[in-house]
Amino acid sequence: MDIYVCVGSSCHLKNSKAVIDKLNSRIKKENLEDKVALRGAFCMGKCSNQGVSVKVDNNVYSVTEENADDFFDKNILGIG
């Protein structure tokens, strides 16, 4: 599975680095390094969203450092 995190200027200002760090930490914690790849991407056209644009399976989500764990549980682990 590939997770694309926007690192364009708008998402950079919304702290995409913190979202990347949080998702990377969860990938390691769940021992998914061989199943999940975290990748950078440029603008996904969702700049008006409050959070950082994160794309999984052609769906774009608005993720913040605060909701990154919930996002990971629901969309990567399938919990909830």
C-alpha atoms as a PDB file:
ATOM      1  CA  MET A   1       0.000   0.000   0.000  1.00  0.00           C
ATOM      2  CA  ASP A   2       1.220   3.480  -0.858  1.00  0.00           C
ATOM      3  CA  ILE A   3       0.402   6.545   1.239  1.00  0.00           C
ATOM      4  CA  TYR A   4       1.056   9.850  -0.520  1.00  0.00           C
ATOM      5  CA  VAL A   5       1.497  12.927   1.678  1.00  0.00           C
ATOM      6  CA  CYS A   6       1.417  16.340   0.043  1.00  0.00           C
ATOM      7  CA  VAL A   7       4.593  18.348   0.585  1.00  0.00           C
ATOM      8  CA  GLY A   8       3.539  21.299  -1.572  1.00  0.00           C
ATOM      9  CA  SER A   9       3.724  24.822  -0.201  1.00  0.00           C
ATOM     10  CA  SER A  10       0.199  24.944   1.281  1.00  0.00           C
ATOM     11  CA  CYS A  11       0.529  21.575   3.035  1.00  0.00           C
ATOM     12  CA  HIS A  12       4.064  22.424   4.101  1.00  0.00           C
ATOM     13  CA  LEU A  13       2.636  25.438   5.922  1.00  0.00           C
ATOM     14  CA  LYS A  14       0.046  23.129   7.526  1.00  0.00           C
ATOM     15  CA  ASN A  15       2.963  21.112   8.972  1.00  0.00           C
ATOM     16  CA  SER A  16       3.134  18.162   6.580  1.00  0.00           C
ATOM     17  CA  LYS A  17       6.458  17.225   8.214  1.00  0.00           C
ATOM     18  CA  ALA A  18       4.687  16.464  11.513  1.00  0.00           C
ATOM     19  CA  VAL A  19       2.063  14.360   9.693  1.00  0.00           C
ATOM     20  CA  ILE A  20       4.811  12.449   7.872  1.00  0.00           C
ATOM     21  CA  ASP A  21       6.662  11.848  11.139  1.00  0.00           C
ATOM     22  CA  LYS A  22       3.489  10.638  12.856  1.00  0.00           C
ATOM     23  CA  LEU A  23       2.536   8.267  10.011  1.00  0.00           C
ATOM     24  CA  ASN A  24       6.092   6.967   9.736  1.00  0.00           C
ATOM     25  CA  SER A  25       6.109   6.276  13.471  1.00  0.00           C
ATOM     26  CA  ARG A  26       2.847   4.332  13.211  1.00  0.00           C
ATOM     27  CA  ILE A  27       4.143   2.296  10.253  1.00  0.00           C
ATOM     28  CA  LYS A  28       7.152   1.282  12.336  1.00  0.00           C
ATOM     29  CA  LYS A  29       5.088   0.657  15.484  1.00  0.00           C
ATOM     30  CA  GLU A  30       2.741  -1.677  13.589  1.00  0.00           C
ATOM     31  CA  ASN A  31       5.694  -3.404  11.807  1.00  0.00           C
ATOM     32  CA  LEU A  32       4.310  -2.514   8.381  1.00  0.00           C
ATOM     33  CA  GLU A  33       7.537  -1.319   6.754  1.00  0.00           C
ATOM     34  CA  ASP A  34       7.371  -4.137   4.186  1.00  0.00           C
ATOM     35  CA  LYS A  35       3.664  -3.505   3.398  1.00  0.00           C
ATOM     36  CA  VAL A  36       3.194   0.265   3.535  1.00  0.00           C
ATOM     37  CA  ALA A  37       5.252   2.887   1.697  1.00  0.00           C
ATOM     38  CA  LEU A  38       5.093   6.540   2.708  1.00  0.00           C
ATOM     39  CA  ARG A  39       5.705   8.813  -0.285  1.00  0.00           C
ATOM     40  CA  GLY A  40       5.805  12.554  -0.855  1.00  0.00           C
ATOM     41  CA  ALA A  41       3.592  14.172  -3.472  1.00  0.00           C
ATOM     42  CA  PHE A  42       2.929  17.655  -4.734  1.00  0.00           C
ATOM     43  CA  CYS A  43      -0.403  19.474  -4.851  1.00  0.00           C
ATOM     44  CA  MET A  44      -3.495  17.266  -4.885  1.00  0.00           C
ATOM     45  CA  GLY A  45      -5.824  20.218  -5.456  1.00  0.00           C
ATOM     46  CA  LYS A  46      -7.353  20.137  -1.964  1.00  0.00           C
ATOM     47  CA  CYS A  47      -5.554  23.180  -0.563  1.00  0.00           C
ATOM     48  CA  SER A  48      -8.735  24.550   1.025  1.00  0.00           C
ATOM     49  CA  ASN A  49      -8.911  21.569   3.416  1.00  0.00           C
ATOM     50  CA  GLN A  50      -7.876  22.335   6.965  1.00  0.00           C
ATOM     51  CA  GLY A  51      -5.255  19.584   7.151  1.00  0.00           C
ATOM     52  CA  VAL A  52      -2.536  18.107   4.992  1.00  0.00           C
ATOM     53  CA  SER A  53      -3.705  16.215   1.899  1.00  0.00           C
ATOM     54  CA  VAL A  54      -3.007  12.490   2.192  1.00  0.00           C
ATOM     55  CA  LYS A  55      -3.936  10.084  -0.600  1.00  0.00           C
ATOM     56  CA  VAL A  56      -4.657   6.366  -0.144  1.00  0.00           C
ATOM     57  CA  ASP A  57      -6.248   4.236  -2.867  1.00  0.00           C
ATOM     58  CA  ASN A  58      -7.302   7.294  -4.918  1.00  0.00           C
ATOM     59  CA  ASN A  59      -9.045   8.865  -1.899  1.00  0.00           C
ATOM     60  CA  VAL A  60      -7.708  12.149  -0.539  1.00  0.00           C
ATOM     61  CA  TYR A  61      -8.033  12.849   3.188  1.00  0.00           C
ATOM     62  CA  SER A  62      -7.386  15.933   5.287  1.00  0.00           C
ATOM     63  CA  VAL A  63      -4.950  14.865   8.007  1.00  0.00           C
ATOM     64  CA  THR A  64      -3.507  16.864  10.882  1.00  0.00           C
ATOM     65  CA  GLU A  65      -0.964  15.866  13.477  1.00  0.00           C
ATOM     66  CA  GLU A  66      -3.850  15.595  15.945  1.00  0.00           C
ATOM     67  CA  ASN A  67      -6.009  13.227  13.850  1.00  0.00           C
ATOM     68  CA  ALA A  68      -3.211  11.237  12.218  1.00  0.00           C
ATOM     69  CA  ASP A  69      -3.628   8.264  14.580  1.00  0.00           C
ATOM     70  CA  ASP A  70      -7.379   8.056  13.886  1.00  0.00           C
ATOM     71  CA  PHE A  71      -6.698   8.342  10.150  1.00  0.00           C
ATOM     72  CA  PHE A  72      -4.130   5.538  10.361  1.00  0.00           C
ATOM     73  CA  ASP A  73      -6.417   3.265  12.383  1.00  0.00           C
ATOM     74  CA  LYS A  74      -9.385   3.713  10.035  1.00  0.00           C
ATOM     75  CA  ASN A  75      -7.723   3.917   6.626  1.00  0.00           C
ATOM     76  CA  ILE A  76      -4.550   1.864   6.968  1.00  0.00           C
ATOM     77  CA  LEU A  77      -5.371  -0.709   9.646  1.00  0.00           C
ATOM     78  CA  GLY A  78      -9.111  -0.812   8.853  1.00  0.00           C
ATOM     79  CA  ILE A  79     -10.130  -0.383  12.492  1.00  0.00           C
ATOM     80  CA  GLY A  80     -13.281   1.589  13.227  1.00  0.00           C
END
